[in-house]
């Protein structure tokens, strides 16, 4: 303030430049170590990692309301500014919604890139964890990895690969959240009702 400057934690404070993300990195551990790591897999990911990933992808449209809870959040989630807008994952591509950073062993993790700094971190972590654990419970399988540039694909090409869009407005994200019993249960009735209000 002394120098005429203003600090902001808005997801997209300036038009025409990249916004501010709050990427969430996550892994699960057992007494044996990182439960996401499997040296024998082509991506060195375990079945647990794939199922957790599948759960996050299955619930990510409703997670978006929690992880991107302001109108300004959706000014960041637009093509062309590095923020993810398509539901996809990759272990070799830095731009999808969920990427698998290169480190393995104890550092094996998933990175959800859509979360922004206006999110309540407690709600974001709780709901993302619930989504991933639902993937384990249901033994879900994720869609195939997308290693090419999604932004250069046509709508028809994205649809052919089963790539959905994230909600493009807070209104649409809230509609997705209202239909997701897993994420609603993770929040509990009181928090969910207050959040929707």
Protein backbone atom coordinates (compact mmCIF):
# COMPACT_ATOMS: atom_id res chain seq x y z
CA UNK A 1 0.00 0.00 0.00
CA UNK A 2 2.91 2.33 0.81
CA UNK A 3 3.99 2.12 -2.86
CA UNK A 4 0.53 2.35 -4.37
CA UNK A 5 0.26 -1.41 -4.88
CA UNK A 6 -2.59 -3.75 -4.05
CA UNK A 7 -2.29 -7.46 -3.20
CA UNK A 8 -5.08 -9.65 -4.49
CA UNK A 9 -5.77 -13.37 -4.29
CA UNK A 10 -8.45 -13.30 -6.97
CA UNK A 11 -8.20 -16.21 -9.41
CA UNK A 12 -8.18 -13.83 -12.38
CA UNK A 13 -7.31 -10.30 -11.29
CA UNK A 14 -6.12 -9.15 -14.73
CA UNK A 15 -7.73 -9.73 -18.10
CA UNK A 16 -5.50 -11.03 -20.86
CA UNK A 17 -2.89 -12.75 -18.66
CA UNK A 18 -2.75 -16.09 -16.85
CA UNK A 19 -4.71 -16.32 -13.62
CA UNK A 20 -3.68 -17.58 -10.20
CA UNK A 21 -4.12 -21.27 -9.44
CA UNK A 22 -3.85 -23.24 -6.22
CA UNK A 23 -2.89 -26.66 -7.60
CA UNK A 24 -3.63 -29.54 -5.23
CA UNK A 25 -1.01 -32.32 -5.07
CA UNK A 26 -2.15 -35.53 -3.41
CA UNK A 27 -1.05 -39.05 -2.59
CA UNK A 28 -2.06 -41.75 -0.12
CA UNK A 29 0.32 -43.59 2.18
CA UNK A 30 0.22 -46.92 3.97
CA UNK A 31 2.75 -48.35 6.42
CA UNK A 32 4.54 -49.75 3.34
CA UNK A 33 4.94 -46.33 1.72
CA UNK A 34 3.30 -44.38 -1.10
CA UNK A 35 0.15 -46.25 -2.15
CA UNK A 36 0.16 -44.51 -5.55
CA UNK A 37 3.51 -46.01 -6.63
CA UNK A 38 3.96 -49.27 -8.53
CA UNK A 39 7.31 -49.76 -10.27
CA UNK A 40 5.87 -52.49 -12.50
CA UNK A 41 3.25 -50.26 -14.18
CA UNK A 42 4.06 -48.41 -17.43
CA UNK A 43 3.36 -45.09 -15.66
CA UNK A 44 4.67 -46.43 -12.34
CA UNK A 45 1.20 -45.89 -10.87
CA UNK A 46 -0.63 -48.39 -8.69
CA UNK A 47 -4.20 -49.61 -9.05
CA UNK A 48 -4.95 -47.41 -6.03
CA UNK A 49 -3.64 -44.36 -7.91
CA UNK A 50 -5.70 -45.13 -11.00
CA UNK A 51 -8.87 -45.70 -9.00
CA UNK A 52 -8.33 -42.53 -6.96
CA UNK A 53 -7.69 -40.61 -10.18
CA UNK A 54 -10.87 -42.06 -11.70
CA UNK A 55 -12.87 -40.93 -8.68
CA UNK A 56 -11.55 -37.38 -8.95
CA UNK A 57 -12.35 -37.29 -12.67
CA UNK A 58 -15.83 -38.74 -12.09
CA UNK A 59 -16.72 -36.03 -9.57
CA UNK A 60 -14.67 -33.11 -10.86
CA UNK A 61 -17.56 -31.20 -12.43
CA UNK A 62 -19.24 -30.96 -9.01
CA UNK A 63 -15.90 -30.41 -7.24
CA UNK A 64 -15.51 -27.33 -9.42
CA UNK A 65 -18.10 -25.42 -7.39
CA UNK A 66 -16.09 -26.03 -4.21
CA UNK A 67 -12.65 -25.54 -5.78
CA UNK A 68 -13.67 -22.50 -7.86
CA UNK A 69 -16.32 -20.80 -5.70
CA UNK A 70 -16.48 -17.25 -7.09
CA UNK A 71 -17.74 -15.66 -10.27
CA UNK A 72 -14.17 -14.48 -10.90
CA UNK A 73 -12.98 -18.13 -10.80
CA UNK A 74 -14.61 -18.76 -14.18
CA UNK A 75 -12.74 -15.88 -15.81
CA UNK A 76 -9.59 -17.99 -15.16
CA UNK A 77 -11.04 -21.27 -16.46
CA UNK A 78 -10.99 -20.30 -20.13
CA UNK A 79 -8.90 -21.68 -23.02
CA UNK A 80 -5.61 -19.99 -23.81
CA UNK A 81 -4.35 -19.05 -20.34
CA UNK A 82 -2.85 -22.32 -19.00
CA UNK A 83 -5.75 -23.06 -16.64
CA UNK A 84 -7.44 -26.40 -17.43
CA UNK A 85 -10.93 -26.39 -18.92
CA UNK A 86 -11.23 -30.01 -20.12
CA UNK A 87 -11.62 -33.17 -18.03
CA UNK A 88 -8.52 -35.22 -18.89
CA UNK A 89 -5.31 -36.51 -17.33
CA UNK A 90 -1.76 -37.30 -18.42
CA UNK A 91 1.56 -38.50 -17.07
CA UNK A 92 3.51 -36.78 -19.87
CA UNK A 93 1.54 -33.63 -20.66
CA UNK A 94 1.66 -30.60 -18.35
CA UNK A 95 -1.63 -29.04 -19.47
CA UNK A 96 -4.51 -31.41 -18.55
CA UNK A 97 -6.83 -31.03 -15.58
CA UNK A 98 -4.98 -33.75 -13.64
CA UNK A 99 -1.31 -34.27 -14.33
CA UNK A 100 1.05 -36.83 -12.86
CA UNK A 101 4.29 -35.02 -11.97
CA UNK A 102 7.47 -36.87 -13.01
CA UNK A 103 8.72 -37.82 -9.53
CA UNK A 104 8.09 -41.42 -8.46
CA UNK A 105 8.67 -43.56 -5.39
CA UNK A 106 7.70 -41.67 -2.23
CA UNK A 107 6.94 -38.56 -4.34
CA UNK A 108 4.37 -40.22 -6.64
CA UNK A 109 1.32 -37.96 -6.70
CA UNK A 110 -1.62 -36.57 -8.65
CA UNK A 111 -1.95 -32.83 -9.26
CA UNK A 112 -5.39 -31.28 -9.72
CA UNK A 113 -4.72 -28.02 -11.58
CA UNK A 114 -8.16 -26.41 -11.57
CA UNK A 115 -8.33 -25.34 -7.91
CA UNK A 116 -7.89 -21.60 -7.33
CA UNK A 117 -6.94 -19.43 -4.32
CA UNK A 118 -10.52 -18.33 -3.62
CA UNK A 119 -11.34 -21.90 -2.53
CA UNK A 120 -11.65 -22.81 1.13
CA UNK A 121 -8.70 -25.25 1.40
CA UNK A 122 -10.44 -27.38 4.03
CA UNK A 123 -13.52 -27.89 1.87
CA UNK A 124 -11.42 -28.40 -1.25
CA UNK A 125 -9.24 -31.07 0.38
CA UNK A 126 -12.19 -32.83 2.02
CA UNK A 127 -14.24 -33.03 -1.18
CA UNK A 128 -11.32 -34.01 -3.44
CA UNK A 129 -10.41 -36.77 -0.96
CA UNK A 130 -14.03 -37.96 -0.89
CA UNK A 131 -14.08 -38.09 -4.70
CA UNK A 132 -10.85 -40.09 -4.85
CA UNK A 133 -11.94 -42.49 -2.11
CA UNK A 134 -15.21 -43.05 -3.97
CA UNK A 135 -13.10 -44.15 -6.94
CA UNK A 136 -11.41 -46.71 -4.67
CA UNK A 137 -14.72 -47.86 -3.20
CA UNK A 138 -16.27 -48.34 -6.65
CA UNK A 139 -13.00 -49.61 -8.20
CA UNK A 140 -13.34 -47.11 -11.04
CA UNK A 141 -11.06 -47.04 -14.08
CA UNK A 142 -9.99 -43.66 -15.45
CA UNK A 143 -10.41 -42.64 -19.05
CA UNK A 144 -7.25 -43.18 -21.16
CA UNK A 145 -4.53 -40.57 -20.71
CA UNK A 146 -4.55 -37.68 -23.16
CA UNK A 147 -0.98 -36.88 -24.15
CA UNK A 148 -1.63 -34.51 -27.05
CA UNK A 149 -2.56 -30.82 -26.85
CA UNK A 150 -6.28 -30.76 -26.03
CA UNK A 151 -6.55 -27.07 -26.94
CA UNK A 152 -5.73 -27.92 -30.56
CA UNK A 153 -8.48 -30.56 -30.80
CA UNK A 154 -11.84 -29.89 -32.36
CA UNK A 155 -15.01 -30.43 -30.36
CA UNK A 156 -15.62 -33.64 -32.34
CA UNK A 157 -12.11 -34.92 -31.53
CA UNK A 158 -12.60 -34.18 -27.83
CA UNK A 159 -15.97 -35.91 -27.79
CA UNK A 160 -14.50 -38.95 -29.56
CA UNK A 161 -11.99 -39.28 -26.70
CA UNK A 162 -14.68 -38.79 -24.04
CA UNK A 163 -13.26 -35.43 -22.93
CA UNK A 164 -15.86 -33.30 -21.15
CA UNK A 165 -15.67 -29.60 -20.37
CA UNK A 166 -15.51 -28.24 -16.84
CA UNK A 167 -18.49 -26.05 -15.92
CA UNK A 168 -18.00 -22.63 -17.46
CA UNK A 169 -19.95 -20.64 -14.86
CA UNK A 170 -20.47 -20.80 -11.11
CA UNK A 171 -24.18 -21.39 -11.78
CA UNK A 172 -23.46 -24.53 -13.83
CA UNK A 173 -20.91 -25.76 -11.27
CA UNK A 174 -23.46 -25.39 -8.47
CA UNK A 175 -26.00 -27.35 -10.51
CA UNK A 176 -23.46 -30.18 -10.82
CA UNK A 177 -22.69 -30.04 -7.10
CA UNK A 178 -26.37 -30.21 -6.17
CA UNK A 179 -26.67 -33.55 -8.02
CA UNK A 180 -23.57 -35.21 -6.52
CA UNK A 181 -24.44 -37.19 -3.39
CA UNK A 182 -20.82 -38.17 -2.68
CA UNK A 183 -19.55 -34.59 -2.57
CA UNK A 184 -22.63 -33.38 -0.70
CA UNK A 185 -22.09 -36.10 1.93
CA UNK A 186 -18.44 -35.06 2.30
CA UNK A 187 -19.58 -31.51 3.09
CA UNK A 188 -22.44 -32.54 5.37
CA UNK A 189 -25.91 -31.02 5.23
CA UNK A 190 -25.11 -27.89 7.22
CA UNK A 191 -22.04 -26.90 5.18
CA UNK A 192 -23.65 -27.88 1.89
CA UNK A 193 -26.78 -25.81 2.56
CA UNK A 194 -24.72 -22.84 3.71
CA UNK A 195 -22.40 -23.11 0.69
CA UNK A 196 -25.30 -23.27 -1.77
CA UNK A 197 -26.93 -20.27 -0.09
